[in-house]
Amino acid sequence: MNWFIDALKNAVNFSGRARRKAYWMFVLFYVIFAFVAGVLDGILGTVNPKTGMGVIGGLYIFLMLLPLIALSIRRLHDTDRSGWWFLINFVPLIGGLVFFVFTLLEGTRGDNRFGPDPKAGE
């Protein structure tokens, strides 16, 4: 849970680096909370039948968008890639897959152009 809270605290921090564990723990809690929001939408009847999107789930996704983008960019920095690589997600079919692979790669050891190694203290 600390990984999720730390990402929220750094929601507008697009510099530095983020470890794989920090990224994937945030994604795990993001998905869990989105599922809970969807269930709440279903229970409360706040789902729009035309879009299938609920008010609570939609609001949650909207509010988490900036922290997710910032953390994704810091994750790319850890692999010594520019944050501009985040835009590859918008390439149909393969873009999301390429980004997914980037998030799985080990970060560069030692300092890189985006900052010190986040694992250095371990």
PDB file of N, CA and C in Angstrom:
ATOM      1  N   MET A   1       0.815  -1.192   0.000  1.00  0.00           N
ATOM      2  CA  MET A   1       0.000   0.000   0.000  1.00  0.00           C
ATOM      3  C   MET A   1       0.865   1.266   0.000  1.00  0.00           C
ATOM      4  N   ASN A   2       2.056   1.166   0.614  1.00  0.00           N
ATOM      5  CA  ASN A   2       2.953   2.326   0.630  1.00  0.00           C
ATOM      6  C   ASN A   2       3.378   2.728  -0.774  1.00  0.00           C
ATOM      7  N   TRP A   3       3.517   1.742  -1.662  1.00  0.00           N
ATOM      8  CA  TRP A   3       3.903   2.038  -3.044  1.00  0.00           C
ATOM      9  C   TRP A   3       2.841   2.908  -3.705  1.00  0.00           C
ATOM     10  N   PHE A   4       1.583   2.609  -3.427  1.00  0.00           N
ATOM     11  CA  PHE A   4       0.468   3.357  -4.006  1.00  0.00           C
ATOM     12  C   PHE A   4       0.466   4.786  -3.468  1.00  0.00           C
ATOM     13  N   ILE A   5       0.618   4.924  -2.171  1.00  0.00           N
ATOM     14  CA  ILE A   5       0.612   6.247  -1.539  1.00  0.00           C
ATOM     15  C   ILE A   5       1.806   7.076  -2.004  1.00  0.00           C
ATOM     16  N   ASP A   6       2.976   6.448  -2.112  1.00  0.00           N
ATOM     17  CA  ASP A   6       4.160   7.167  -2.600  1.00  0.00           C
ATOM     18  C   ASP A   6       3.948   7.684  -4.018  1.00  0.00           C
ATOM     19  N   ALA A   7       3.312   6.881  -4.857  1.00  0.00           N
ATOM     20  CA  ALA A   7       3.039   7.316  -6.229  1.00  0.00           C
ATOM     21  C   ALA A   7       2.079   8.499  -6.233  1.00  0.00           C
ATOM     22  N   LEU A   8       1.097   8.485  -5.342  1.00  0.00           N
ATOM     23  CA  LEU A   8       0.158   9.605  -5.260  1.00  0.00           C
ATOM     24  C   LEU A   8       0.859  10.875  -4.781  1.00  0.00           C
ATOM     25  N   LYS A   9       1.793  10.725  -3.853  1.00  0.00           N
ATOM     26  CA  LYS A   9       2.547  11.883  -3.360  1.00  0.00           C
ATOM     27  C   LYS A   9       3.410  12.487  -4.462  1.00  0.00           C
ATOM     28  N   ASN A  10       3.827  11.669  -5.419  1.00  0.00           N
ATOM     29  CA  ASN A  10       4.667  12.124  -6.531  1.00  0.00           C
ATOM     30  C   ASN A  10       3.875  12.243  -7.826  1.00  0.00           C
ATOM     31  N   ALA A  11       2.602  12.570  -7.713  1.00  0.00           N
ATOM     32  CA  ALA A  11       1.707  12.578  -8.872  1.00  0.00           C
ATOM     33  C   ALA A  11       2.121  13.554  -9.962  1.00  0.00           C
ATOM     34  N   VAL A  12       2.821  14.608  -9.604  1.00  0.00           N
ATOM     35  CA  VAL A  12       3.241  15.582 -10.612  1.00  0.00           C
ATOM     36  C   VAL A  12       4.766  15.619 -10.760  1.00  0.00           C
ATOM     37  N   ASN A  13       5.418  14.577 -10.284  1.00  0.00           N
ATOM     38  CA  ASN A  13       6.871  14.477 -10.393  1.00  0.00           C
ATOM     39  C   ASN A  13       7.215  13.615 -11.607  1.00  0.00           C
ATOM     40  N   PHE A  14       7.674  14.277 -12.658  1.00  0.00           N
ATOM     41  CA  PHE A  14       7.998  13.563 -13.891  1.00  0.00           C
ATOM     42  C   PHE A  14       9.501  13.352 -14.048  1.00  0.00           C
ATOM     43  N   SER A  15      10.266  13.669 -13.015  1.00  0.00           N
ATOM     44  CA  SER A  15      11.717  13.483 -13.089  1.00  0.00           C
ATOM     45  C   SER A  15      12.134  12.392 -12.116  1.00  0.00           C
ATOM     46  N   GLY A  16      13.315  11.874 -12.334  1.00  0.00           N
ATOM     47  CA  GLY A  16      13.807  10.802 -11.486  1.00  0.00           C
ATOM     48  C   GLY A  16      13.473   9.437 -12.057  1.00  0.00           C
ATOM     49  N   ARG A  17      13.606   8.437 -11.204  1.00  0.00           N
ATOM     50  CA  ARG A  17      13.452   7.053 -11.645  1.00  0.00           C
ATOM     51  C   ARG A  17      12.518   6.304 -10.708  1.00  0.00           C
ATOM     52  N   ALA A  18      11.870   5.275 -11.242  1.00  0.00           N
ATOM     53  CA  ALA A  18      10.990   4.421 -10.434  1.00  0.00           C
ATOM     54  C   ALA A  18      11.329   2.961 -10.706  1.00  0.00           C
ATOM     55  N   ARG A  19      11.437   2.201  -9.644  1.00  0.00           N
ATOM     56  CA  ARG A  19      11.748   0.776  -9.760  1.00  0.00           C
ATOM     57  C   ARG A  19      10.569   0.005 -10.343  1.00  0.00           C
ATOM     58  N   ARG A  20      10.881  -1.185 -10.847  1.00  0.00           N
ATOM     59  CA  ARG A  20       9.820  -2.074 -11.340  1.00  0.00           C
ATOM     60  C   ARG A  20       8.811  -2.354 -10.254  1.00  0.00           C
ATOM     61  N   LYS A  21       9.300  -2.660  -9.055  1.00  0.00           N
ATOM     62  CA  LYS A  21       8.404  -3.013  -7.959  1.00  0.00           C
ATOM     63  C   LYS A  21       7.447  -1.862  -7.644  1.00  0.00           C
ATOM     64  N   ALA A  22       7.953  -0.634  -7.608  1.00  0.00           N
ATOM     65  CA  ALA A  22       7.100   0.526  -7.327  1.00  0.00           C
ATOM     66  C   ALA A  22       6.018   0.657  -8.391  1.00  0.00           C
ATOM     67  N   TYR A  23       6.402   0.472  -9.647  1.00  0.00           N
ATOM     68  CA  TYR A  23       5.442   0.592 -10.748  1.00  0.00           C
ATOM     69  C   TYR A  23       4.377  -0.494 -10.668  1.00  0.00           C
ATOM     70  N   TRP A  24       4.803  -1.736 -10.540  1.00  0.00           N
ATOM     71  CA  TRP A  24       3.847  -2.843 -10.588  1.00  0.00           C
ATOM     72  C   TRP A  24       2.992  -2.936  -9.329  1.00  0.00           C
ATOM     73  N   MET A  25       3.507  -2.512  -8.189  1.00  0.00           N
ATOM     74  CA  MET A  25       2.670  -2.472  -6.987  1.00  0.00           C
ATOM     75  C   MET A  25       1.596  -1.402  -7.132  1.00  0.00           C
ATOM     76  N   PHE A  26       1.954  -0.265  -7.730  1.00  0.00           N
ATOM     77  CA  PHE A  26       0.948   0.766  -7.985  1.00  0.00           C
ATOM     78  C   PHE A  26      -0.119   0.233  -8.936  1.00  0.00           C
ATOM     79  N   VAL A  27       0.299  -0.416 -10.003  1.00  0.00           N
ATOM     80  CA  VAL A  27      -0.653  -0.961 -10.973  1.00  0.00           C
ATOM     81  C   VAL A  27      -1.567  -1.991 -10.311  1.00  0.00           C
ATOM     82  N   LEU A  28      -1.011  -2.838  -9.456  1.00  0.00           N
ATOM     83  CA  LEU A  28      -1.821  -3.836  -8.750  1.00  0.00           C
ATOM     84  C   LEU A  28      -2.919  -3.165  -7.929  1.00  0.00           C
ATOM     85  N   PHE A  29      -2.554  -2.187  -7.105  1.00  0.00           N
ATOM     86  CA  PHE A  29      -3.553  -1.505  -6.281  1.00  0.00           C
ATOM     87  C   PHE A  29      -4.511  -0.679  -7.133  1.00  0.00           C
ATOM     88  N   TYR A  30      -4.009  -0.110  -8.223  1.00  0.00           N
ATOM     89  CA  TYR A  30      -4.859   0.639  -9.153  1.00  0.00           C
ATOM     90  C   TYR A  30      -5.974  -0.260  -9.682  1.00  0.00           C
ATOM     91  N   VAL A  31      -5.617  -1.458 -10.104  1.00  0.00           N
ATOM     92  CA  VAL A  31      -6.600  -2.404 -10.644  1.00  0.00           C
ATOM     93  C   VAL A  31      -7.564  -2.866  -9.554  1.00  0.00           C
ATOM     94  N   ILE A  32      -7.055  -3.158  -8.369  1.00  0.00           N
ATOM     95  CA  ILE A  32      -7.926  -3.591  -7.270  1.00  0.00           C
ATOM     96  C   ILE A  32      -8.938  -2.503  -6.940  1.00  0.00           C
ATOM     97  N   PHE A  33      -8.477  -1.268  -6.792  1.00  0.00           N
ATOM     98  CA  PHE A  33      -9.385  -0.170  -6.456  1.00  0.00           C
ATOM     99  C   PHE A  33     -10.361   0.117  -7.596  1.00  0.00           C
ATOM    100  N   ALA A  34      -9.926  -0.034  -8.844  1.00  0.00           N
ATOM    101  CA  ALA A  34     -10.830   0.155  -9.983  1.00  0.00           C
ATOM    102  C   ALA A  34     -11.919  -0.909  -9.973  1.00  0.00           C
ATOM    103  N   PHE A  35     -11.555  -2.137  -9.633  1.00  0.00           N
ATOM    104  CA  PHE A  35     -12.540  -3.213  -9.528  1.00  0.00           C
ATOM    105  C   PHE A  35     -13.561  -2.895  -8.438  1.00  0.00           C
ATOM    106  N   VAL A  36     -13.071  -2.453  -7.286  1.00  0.00           N
ATOM    107  CA  VAL A  36     -13.967  -2.095  -6.176  1.00  0.00           C
ATOM    108  C   VAL A  36     -14.886  -0.946  -6.592  1.00  0.00           C
ATOM    109  N   ALA A  37     -14.341   0.045  -7.287  1.00  0.00           N
ATOM    110  CA  ALA A  37     -15.162   1.162  -7.763  1.00  0.00           C
ATOM    111  C   ALA A  37     -16.235   0.669  -8.724  1.00  0.00           C
ATOM    112  N   GLY A  38     -15.883  -0.273  -9.590  1.00  0.00           N
ATOM    113  CA  GLY A  38     -16.862  -0.845 -10.514  1.00  0.00           C
ATOM    114  C   GLY A  38     -17.959  -1.603  -9.793  1.00  0.00           C
ATOM    115  N   VAL A  39     -17.584  -2.351  -8.768  1.00  0.00           N
ATOM    116  CA  VAL A  39     -18.577  -3.081  -7.967  1.00  0.00           C
ATOM    117  C   VAL A  39     -19.504  -2.092  -7.269  1.00  0.00           C
ATOM    118  N   LEU A  40     -18.936  -1.037  -6.701  1.00  0.00           N
ATOM    119  CA  LEU A  40     -19.762  -0.014  -6.051  1.00  0.00           C
ATOM    120  C   LEU A  40     -20.719   0.640  -7.039  1.00  0.00           C
ATOM    121  N   ASP A  41     -20.227   0.920  -8.239  1.00  0.00           N
ATOM    122  CA  ASP A  41     -21.101   1.473  -9.276  1.00  0.00           C
ATOM    123  C   ASP A  41     -22.264   0.531  -9.566  1.00  0.00           C
ATOM    124  N   GLY A  42     -21.966  -0.765  -9.638  1.00  0.00           N
ATOM    125  CA  GLY A  42     -23.022  -1.750  -9.890  1.00  0.00           C
ATOM    126  C   GLY A  42     -24.030  -1.811  -8.762  1.00  0.00           C
ATOM    127  N   ILE A  43     -23.546  -1.796  -7.529  1.00  0.00           N
ATOM    128  CA  ILE A  43     -24.435  -1.859  -6.363  1.00  0.00           C
ATOM    129  C   ILE A  43     -25.302  -0.606  -6.273  1.00  0.00           C
ATOM    130  N   LEU A  44     -24.698   0.552  -6.513  1.00  0.00           N
ATOM    131  CA  LEU A  44     -25.418   1.819  -6.384  1.00  0.00           C
ATOM    132  C   LEU A  44     -26.235   2.167  -7.622  1.00  0.00           C
ATOM    133  N   GLY A  45     -26.038   1.420  -8.691  1.00  0.00           N
ATOM    134  CA  GLY A  45     -26.786   1.674  -9.924  1.00  0.00           C
ATOM    135  C   GLY A  45     -26.350   2.937 -10.639  1.00  0.00           C
ATOM    136  N   THR A  46     -25.074   3.271 -10.543  1.00  0.00           N
ATOM    137  CA  THR A  46     -24.573   4.498 -11.175  1.00  0.00           C
ATOM    138  C   THR A  46     -23.848   4.224 -12.493  1.00  0.00           C
ATOM    139  N   VAL A  47     -24.117   3.077 -13.083  1.00  0.00           N
ATOM    140  CA  VAL A  47     -23.482   2.719 -14.354  1.00  0.00           C
ATOM    141  C   VAL A  47     -24.334   3.241 -15.502  1.00  0.00           C
ATOM    142  N   ASN A  48     -23.695   3.916 -16.447  1.00  0.00           N
ATOM    143  CA  ASN A  48     -24.384   4.390 -17.642  1.00  0.00           C
ATOM    144  C   ASN A  48     -24.539   3.200 -18.581  1.00  0.00           C
ATOM    145  N   PRO A  49     -25.765   2.809 -18.915  1.00  0.00           N
ATOM    146  CA  PRO A  49     -25.951   1.620 -19.757  1.00  0.00           C
ATOM    147  C   PRO A  49     -25.378   1.768 -21.172  1.00  0.00           C
ATOM    148  N   LYS A  50     -25.278   2.986 -21.660  1.00  0.00           N
ATOM    149  CA  LYS A  50     -24.747   3.193 -23.010  1.00  0.00           C
ATOM    150  C   LYS A  50     -23.232   3.001 -23.070  1.00  0.00           C
ATOM    151  N   THR A  51     -22.540   3.437 -22.020  1.00  0.00           N
ATOM    152  CA  THR A  51     -21.075   3.372 -22.036  1.00  0.00           C
ATOM    153  C   THR A  51     -20.522   2.243 -21.178  1.00  0.00           C
ATOM    154  N   GLY A  52     -21.318   1.764 -20.226  1.00  0.00           N
ATOM    155  CA  GLY A  52     -20.843   0.742 -19.305  1.00  0.00           C
ATOM    156  C   GLY A  52     -19.930   1.298 -18.227  1.00  0.00           C
ATOM    157  N   MET A  53     -19.757   2.618 -18.210  1.00  0.00           N
ATOM    158  CA  MET A  53     -18.885   3.276 -17.235  1.00  0.00           C
ATOM    159  C   MET A  53     -19.723   3.820 -16.094  1.00  0.00           C
ATOM    160  N   GLY A  54     -19.252   3.558 -14.887  1.00  0.00           N
ATOM    161  CA  GLY A  54     -19.931   4.078 -13.712  1.00  0.00           C
ATOM    162  C   GLY A  54     -19.350   5.407 -13.279  1.00  0.00           C
ATOM    163  N   VAL A  55     -20.110   6.127 -12.496  1.00  0.00           N
ATOM    164  CA  VAL A  55     -19.671   7.436 -12.017  1.00  0.00           C
ATOM    165  C   VAL A  55     -18.438   7.301 -11.120  1.00  0.00           C
ATOM    166  N   ILE A  56     -18.479   6.387 -10.175  1.00  0.00           N
ATOM    167  CA  ILE A  56     -17.363   6.218  -9.240  1.00  0.00           C
ATOM    168  C   ILE A  56     -16.121   5.719  -9.977  1.00  0.00           C
ATOM    169  N   GLY A  57     -16.293   4.709 -10.816  1.00  0.00           N
ATOM    170  CA  GLY A  57     -15.167   4.176 -11.582  1.00  0.00           C
ATOM    171  C   GLY A  57     -14.579   5.205 -12.529  1.00  0.00           C
ATOM    172  N   GLY A  58     -15.427   5.957 -13.200  1.00  0.00           N
ATOM    173  CA  GLY A  58     -14.953   6.990 -14.114  1.00  0.00           C
ATOM    174  C   GLY A  58     -14.182   8.080 -13.399  1.00  0.00           C
ATOM    175  N   LEU A  59     -14.701   8.495 -12.251  1.00  0.00           N
ATOM    176  CA  LEU A  59     -14.024   9.517 -11.458  1.00  0.00           C
ATOM    177  C   LEU A  59     -12.680   8.998 -10.945  1.00  0.00           C
ATOM    178  N   TYR A  60     -12.667   7.751 -10.493  1.00  0.00           N
ATOM    179  CA  TYR A  60     -11.427   7.144 -10.000  1.00  0.00           C
ATOM    180  C   TYR A  60     -10.371   7.088 -11.112  1.00  0.00           C
ATOM    181  N   ILE A  61     -10.758   6.608 -12.278  1.00  0.00           N
ATOM    182  CA  ILE A  61      -9.815   6.508 -13.397  1.00  0.00           C
ATOM    183  C   ILE A  61      -9.285   7.889 -13.770  1.00  0.00           C
ATOM    184  N   PHE A  62     -10.171   8.880 -13.805  1.00  0.00           N
ATOM    185  CA  PHE A  62      -9.762  10.241 -14.138  1.00  0.00           C
ATOM    186  C   PHE A  62      -8.755  10.780 -13.122  1.00  0.00           C
ATOM    187  N   LEU A  63      -9.031  10.578 -11.834  1.00  0.00           N
ATOM    188  CA  LEU A  63      -8.153  11.094 -10.783  1.00  0.00           C
ATOM    189  C   LEU A  63      -6.803  10.378 -10.735  1.00  0.00           C
ATOM    190  N   MET A  64      -6.760   9.133 -11.141  1.00  0.00           N
ATOM    191  CA  MET A  64      -5.516   8.357 -11.089  1.00  0.00           C
ATOM    192  C   MET A  64      -4.686   8.482 -12.364  1.00  0.00           C
ATOM    193  N   LEU A  65      -5.203   9.169 -13.363  1.00  0.00           N
ATOM    194  CA  LEU A  65      -4.511   9.266 -14.643  1.00  0.00           C
ATOM    195  C   LEU A  65      -3.153   9.963 -14.520  1.00  0.00           C
ATOM    196  N   LEU A  66      -3.114  11.107 -13.861  1.00  0.00           N
ATOM    197  CA  LEU A  66      -1.855  11.843 -13.737  1.00  0.00           C
ATOM    198  C   LEU A  66      -0.809  11.075 -12.923  1.00  0.00           C
ATOM    199  N   PRO A  67      -1.164  10.505 -11.754  1.00  0.00           N
ATOM    200  CA  PRO A  67      -0.155   9.712 -11.037  1.00  0.00           C
ATOM    201  C   PRO A  67       0.359   8.525 -11.856  1.00  0.00           C
ATOM    202  N   LEU A  68      -0.524   7.882 -12.620  1.00  0.00           N
ATOM    203  CA  LEU A  68      -0.112   6.738 -13.440  1.00  0.00           C
ATOM    204  C   LEU A  68       0.850   7.172 -14.544  1.00  0.00           C
ATOM    205  N   ILE A  69       0.562   8.286 -15.187  1.00  0.00           N
ATOM    206  CA  ILE A  69       1.446   8.780 -16.248  1.00  0.00           C
ATOM    207  C   ILE A  69       2.803   9.176 -15.670  1.00  0.00           C
ATOM    208  N   ALA A  70       2.789   9.898 -14.544  1.00  0.00           N
ATOM    209  CA  ALA A  70       4.048  10.329 -13.925  1.00  0.00           C
ATOM    210  C   ALA A  70       4.899   9.126 -13.527  1.00  0.00           C
ATOM    211  N   LEU A  71       4.277   8.133 -12.904  1.00  0.00           N
ATOM    212  CA  LEU A  71       5.019   6.935 -12.496  1.00  0.00           C
ATOM    213  C   LEU A  71       5.527   6.165 -13.716  1.00  0.00           C
ATOM    214  N   SER A  72       4.737   6.104 -14.767  1.00  0.00           N
ATOM    215  CA  SER A  72       5.158   5.421 -15.996  1.00  0.00           C
ATOM    216  C   SER A  72       6.381   6.101 -16.602  1.00  0.00           C
ATOM    217  N   ILE A  73       6.384   7.413 -16.591  1.00  0.00           N
ATOM    218  CA  ILE A  73       7.528   8.145 -17.137  1.00  0.00           C
ATOM    219  C   ILE A  73       8.770   7.908 -16.284  1.00  0.00           C
ATOM    220  N   ARG A  74       8.606   7.908 -14.967  1.00  0.00           N
ATOM    221  CA  ARG A  74       9.760   7.615 -14.106  1.00  0.00           C
ATOM    222  C   ARG A  74      10.240   6.181 -14.296  1.00  0.00           C
ATOM    223  N   ARG A  75       9.319   5.263 -14.591  1.00  0.00           N
ATOM    224  CA  ARG A  75       9.703   3.867 -14.872  1.00  0.00           C
ATOM    225  C   ARG A  75      10.525   3.808 -16.154  1.00  0.00           C
ATOM    226  N   LEU A  76      10.106   4.548 -17.176  1.00  0.00           N
ATOM    227  CA  LEU A  76      10.881   4.612 -18.420  1.00  0.00           C
ATOM    228  C   LEU A  76      12.267   5.199 -18.153  1.00  0.00           C
ATOM    229  N   HIS A  77      12.327   6.216 -17.312  1.00  0.00           N
ATOM    230  CA  HIS A  77      13.623   6.813 -16.968  1.00  0.00           C
ATOM    231  C   HIS A  77      14.553   5.783 -16.342  1.00  0.00           C
ATOM    232  N   ASP A  78      13.998   4.874 -15.544  1.00  0.00           N
ATOM    233  CA  ASP A  78      14.832   3.856 -14.903  1.00  0.00           C
ATOM    234  C   ASP A  78      15.483   2.944 -15.932  1.00  0.00           C
ATOM    235  N   THR A  79      14.843   2.777 -17.084  1.00  0.00           N
ATOM    236  CA  THR A  79      15.417   1.960 -18.157  1.00  0.00           C
ATOM    237  C   THR A  79      16.216   2.825 -19.138  1.00  0.00           C
ATOM    238  N   ASP A  80      16.506   4.066 -18.725  1.00  0.00           N
ATOM    239  CA  ASP A  80      17.276   5.035 -19.516  1.00  0.00           C
ATOM    240  C   ASP A  80      16.577   5.415 -20.815  1.00  0.00           C
ATOM    241  N   ARG A  81      15.253   5.509 -20.753  1.00  0.00           N
ATOM    242  CA  ARG A  81      14.463   5.956 -21.901  1.00  0.00           C
ATOM    243  C   ARG A  81      13.783   7.272 -21.554  1.00  0.00           C
ATOM    244  N   SER A  82      13.629   8.103 -22.537  1.00  0.00           N
ATOM    245  CA  SER A  82      12.931   9.370 -22.357  1.00  0.00           C
ATOM    246  C   SER A  82      11.456   9.117 -22.050  1.00  0.00           C
ATOM    247  N   GLY A  83      10.854  10.044 -21.332  1.00  0.00           N
ATOM    248  CA  GLY A  83       9.427   9.948 -21.046  1.00  0.00           C
ATOM    249  C   GLY A  83       8.567  10.016 -22.293  1.00  0.00           C
ATOM    250  N   TRP A  84       9.125  10.544 -23.372  1.00  0.00           N
ATOM    251  CA  TRP A  84       8.378  10.615 -24.631  1.00  0.00           C
ATOM    252  C   TRP A  84       8.000   9.226 -25.134  1.00  0.00           C
ATOM    253  N   TRP A  85       8.718   8.197 -24.695  1.00  0.00           N
ATOM    254  CA  TRP A  85       8.378   6.829 -25.088  1.00  0.00           C
ATOM    255  C   TRP A  85       6.996   6.432 -24.579  1.00  0.00           C
ATOM    256  N   PHE A  86       6.469   7.152 -23.595  1.00  0.00           N
ATOM    257  CA  PHE A  86       5.122   6.857 -23.102  1.00  0.00           C
ATOM    258  C   PHE A  86       4.096   6.963 -24.232  1.00  0.00           C
ATOM    259  N   LEU A  87       4.364   7.846 -25.177  1.00  0.00           N
ATOM    260  CA  LEU A  87       3.431   8.062 -26.287  1.00  0.00           C
ATOM    261  C   LEU A  87       3.299   6.851 -27.196  1.00  0.00           C
ATOM    262  N   ILE A  88       4.195   5.880 -27.070  1.00  0.00           N
ATOM    263  CA  ILE A  88       4.100   4.675 -27.891  1.00  0.00           C
ATOM    264  C   ILE A  88       2.805   3.923 -27.593  1.00  0.00           C
ATOM    265  N   ASN A  89       2.216   4.184 -26.435  1.00  0.00           N
ATOM    266  CA  ASN A  89       0.934   3.568 -26.094  1.00  0.00           C
ATOM    267  C   ASN A  89      -0.160   3.906 -27.104  1.00  0.00           C
ATOM    268  N   PHE A  90       0.003   5.001 -27.823  1.00  0.00           N
ATOM    269  CA  PHE A  90      -1.019   5.427 -28.768  1.00  0.00           C
ATOM    270  C   PHE A  90      -0.852   4.813 -30.154  1.00  0.00           C
ATOM    271  N   VAL A  91       0.184   4.016 -30.341  1.00  0.00           N
ATOM    272  CA  VAL A  91       0.361   3.299 -31.609  1.00  0.00           C
ATOM    273  C   VAL A  91      -0.528   2.060 -31.562  1.00  0.00           C
ATOM    274  N   PRO A  92      -1.475   1.944 -32.493  1.00  0.00           N
ATOM    275  CA  PRO A  92      -2.402   0.807 -32.456  1.00  0.00           C
ATOM    276  C   PRO A  92      -1.680  -0.543 -32.522  1.00  0.00           C
ATOM    277  N   LEU A  93      -2.238  -1.495 -31.835  1.00  0.00           N
ATOM    278  CA  LEU A  93      -1.830  -2.895 -31.802  1.00  0.00           C
ATOM    279  C   LEU A  93      -0.523  -3.159 -31.054  1.00  0.00           C
ATOM    280  N   ILE A  94       0.579  -2.564 -31.482  1.00  0.00           N
ATOM    281  CA  ILE A  94       1.864  -2.926 -30.874  1.00  0.00           C
ATOM    282  C   ILE A  94       2.348  -1.945 -29.816  1.00  0.00           C
ATOM    283  N   GLY A  95       1.824  -0.733 -29.799  1.00  0.00           N
ATOM    284  CA  GLY A  95       2.317   0.293 -28.886  1.00  0.00           C
ATOM    285  C   GLY A  95       2.222  -0.105 -27.428  1.00  0.00           C
ATOM    286  N   GLY A  96       1.055  -0.574 -27.023  1.00  0.00           N
ATOM    287  CA  GLY A  96       0.865  -0.989 -25.635  1.00  0.00           C
ATOM    288  C   GLY A  96       1.750  -2.161 -25.259  1.00  0.00           C
ATOM    289  N   LEU A  97       1.946  -3.069 -26.191  1.00  0.00           N
ATOM    290  CA  LEU A  97       2.804  -4.231 -25.937  1.00  0.00           C
ATOM    291  C   LEU A  97       4.260  -3.801 -25.745  1.00  0.00           C
ATOM    292  N   VAL A  98       4.723  -2.890 -26.584  1.00  0.00           N
ATOM    293  CA  VAL A  98       6.099  -2.396 -26.461  1.00  0.00           C
ATOM    294  C   VAL A  98       6.277  -1.698 -25.112  1.00  0.00           C
ATOM    295  N   PHE A  99       5.312  -0.858 -24.732  1.00  0.00           N
ATOM    296  CA  PHE A  99       5.397  -0.175 -23.441  1.00  0.00           C
ATOM    297  C   PHE A  99       5.398  -1.184 -22.295  1.00  0.00           C
ATOM    298  N   PHE A 100       4.559  -2.201 -22.391  1.00  0.00           N
ATOM    299  CA  PHE A 100       4.496  -3.253 -21.375  1.00  0.00           C
ATOM    300  C   PHE A 100       5.866  -3.912 -21.204  1.00  0.00           C
ATOM    301  N   VAL A 101       6.522  -4.223 -22.312  1.00  0.00           N
ATOM    302  CA  VAL A 101       7.859  -4.831 -22.256  1.00  0.00           C
ATOM    303  C   VAL A 101       8.845  -3.871 -21.592  1.00  0.00           C
ATOM    304  N   PHE A 102       8.769  -2.583 -21.935  1.00  0.00           N
ATOM    305  CA  PHE A 102       9.656  -1.597 -21.312  1.00  0.00           C
ATOM    306  C   PHE A 102       9.501  -1.596 -19.795  1.00  0.00           C
ATOM    307  N   THR A 103       8.269  -1.737 -19.308  1.00  0.00           N
ATOM    308  CA  THR A 103       8.046  -1.703 -17.858  1.00  0.00           C
ATOM    309  C   THR A 103       8.570  -2.956 -17.172  1.00  0.00           C
ATOM    310  N   LEU A 104       8.756  -4.027 -17.926  1.00  0.00           N
ATOM    311  CA  LEU A 104       9.270  -5.272 -17.356  1.00  0.00           C
ATOM    312  C   LEU A 104      10.795  -5.329 -17.308  1.00  0.00           C
ATOM    313  N   LEU A 105      11.440  -4.486 -18.101  1.00  0.00           N
ATOM    314  CA  LEU A 105      12.899  -4.520 -18.178  1.00  0.00           C
ATOM    315  C   LEU A 105      13.536  -4.012 -16.889  1.00  0.00           C
ATOM    316  N   GLU A 106      14.679  -4.603 -16.557  1.00  0.00           N
ATOM    317  CA  GLU A 106      15.425  -4.146 -15.388  1.00  0.00           C
ATOM    318  C   GLU A 106      15.961  -2.744 -15.652  1.00  0.00           C
ATOM    319  N   GLY A 107      15.973  -1.926 -14.626  1.00  0.00           N
ATOM    320  CA  GLY A 107      16.524  -0.582 -14.754  1.00  0.00           C
ATOM    321  C   GLY A 107      18.029  -0.625 -14.932  1.00  0.00           C
ATOM    322  N   THR A 108      18.576   0.466 -15.432  1.00  0.00           N
ATOM    323  CA  THR A 108      20.026   0.532 -15.595  1.00  0.00           C
ATOM    324  C   THR A 108      20.681   0.560 -14.222  1.00  0.00           C
ATOM    325  N   ARG A 109      21.781  -0.141 -14.104  1.00  0.00           N
ATOM    326  CA  ARG A 109      22.511  -0.185 -12.830  1.00  0.00           C
ATOM    327  C   ARG A 109      23.307   1.103 -12.675  1.00  0.00           C
ATOM    328  N   GLY A 110      23.320   1.608 -11.470  1.00  0.00           N
ATOM    329  CA  GLY A 110      24.041   2.846 -11.208  1.00  0.00           C
ATOM    330  C   GLY A 110      23.270   4.052 -11.724  1.00  0.00           C
ATOM    331  N   ASP A 111      23.915   5.187 -11.641  1.00  0.00           N
ATOM    332  CA  ASP A 111      23.280   6.424 -12.088  1.00  0.00           C
ATOM    333  C   ASP A 111      23.099   6.411 -13.598  1.00  0.00           C
ATOM    334  N   ASN A 112      22.058   7.068 -14.064  1.00  0.00           N
ATOM    335  CA  ASN A 112      21.900   7.317 -15.493  1.00  0.00           C
ATOM    336  C   ASN A 112      21.527   8.788 -15.661  1.00  0.00           C
ATOM    337  N   ARG A 113      21.209   9.208 -16.858  1.00  0.00           N
ATOM    338  CA  ARG A 113      20.969  10.634 -17.123  1.00  0.00           C
ATOM    339  C   ARG A 113      19.734  11.170 -16.411  1.00  0.00           C
ATOM    340  N   PHE A 114      18.909  10.278 -15.843  1.00  0.00           N
ATOM    341  CA  PHE A 114      17.686  10.706 -15.173  1.00  0.00           C
ATOM    342  C   PHE A 114      17.805  10.703 -13.657  1.00  0.00           C
ATOM    343  N   GLY A 115      18.940  10.265 -13.145  1.00  0.00           N
ATOM    344  CA  GLY A 115      19.134  10.312 -11.705  1.00  0.00           C
ATOM    345  C   GLY A 115      19.827   9.086 -11.159  1.00  0.00           C
ATOM    346  N   PRO A 116      19.935   9.047  -9.833  1.00  0.00           N
ATOM    347  CA  PRO A 116      20.609   7.917  -9.188  1.00  0.00           C
ATOM    348  C   PRO A 116      19.761   6.648  -9.243  1.00  0.00           C
ATOM    349  N   ASP A 117      20.432   5.536  -9.109  1.00  0.00           N
ATOM    350  CA  ASP A 117      19.772   4.232  -9.104  1.00  0.00           C
ATOM    351  C   ASP A 117      18.866   4.129  -7.874  1.00  0.00           C
ATOM    352  N   PRO A 118      17.556   3.881  -8.066  1.00  0.00           N
ATOM    353  CA  PRO A 118      16.670   3.764  -6.902  1.00  0.00           C
ATOM    354  C   PRO A 118      16.987   2.552  -6.030  1.00  0.00           C
ATOM    355  N   LYS A 119      17.731   1.587  -6.555  1.00  0.00           N
ATOM    356  CA  LYS A 119      18.112   0.406  -5.776  1.00  0.00           C
ATOM    357  C   LYS A 119      19.417   0.617  -5.009  1.00  0.00           C
ATOM    358  N   ALA A 120      20.051   1.755  -5.192  1.00  0.00           N
ATOM    359  CA  ALA A 120      21.380   1.983  -4.617  1.00  0.00           C
ATOM    360  C   ALA A 120      21.397   1.848  -3.103  1.00  0.00           C
ATOM    361  N   GLY A 121      20.317   2.180  -2.431  1.00  0.00           N
ATOM    362  CA  GLY A 121      20.285   2.124  -0.977  1.00  0.00           C
ATOM    363  C   GLY A 121      20.066   0.743  -0.412  1.00  0.00           C
ATOM    364  N   GLU A 122      19.875  -0.241  -1.253  1.00  0.00           N
ATOM    365  CA  GLU A 122      19.581  -1.604  -0.771  1.00  0.00           C
ATOM    366  C   GLU A 122      20.811  -2.464  -0.722  1.00  0.00           C
TER     367      GLU A 122
END
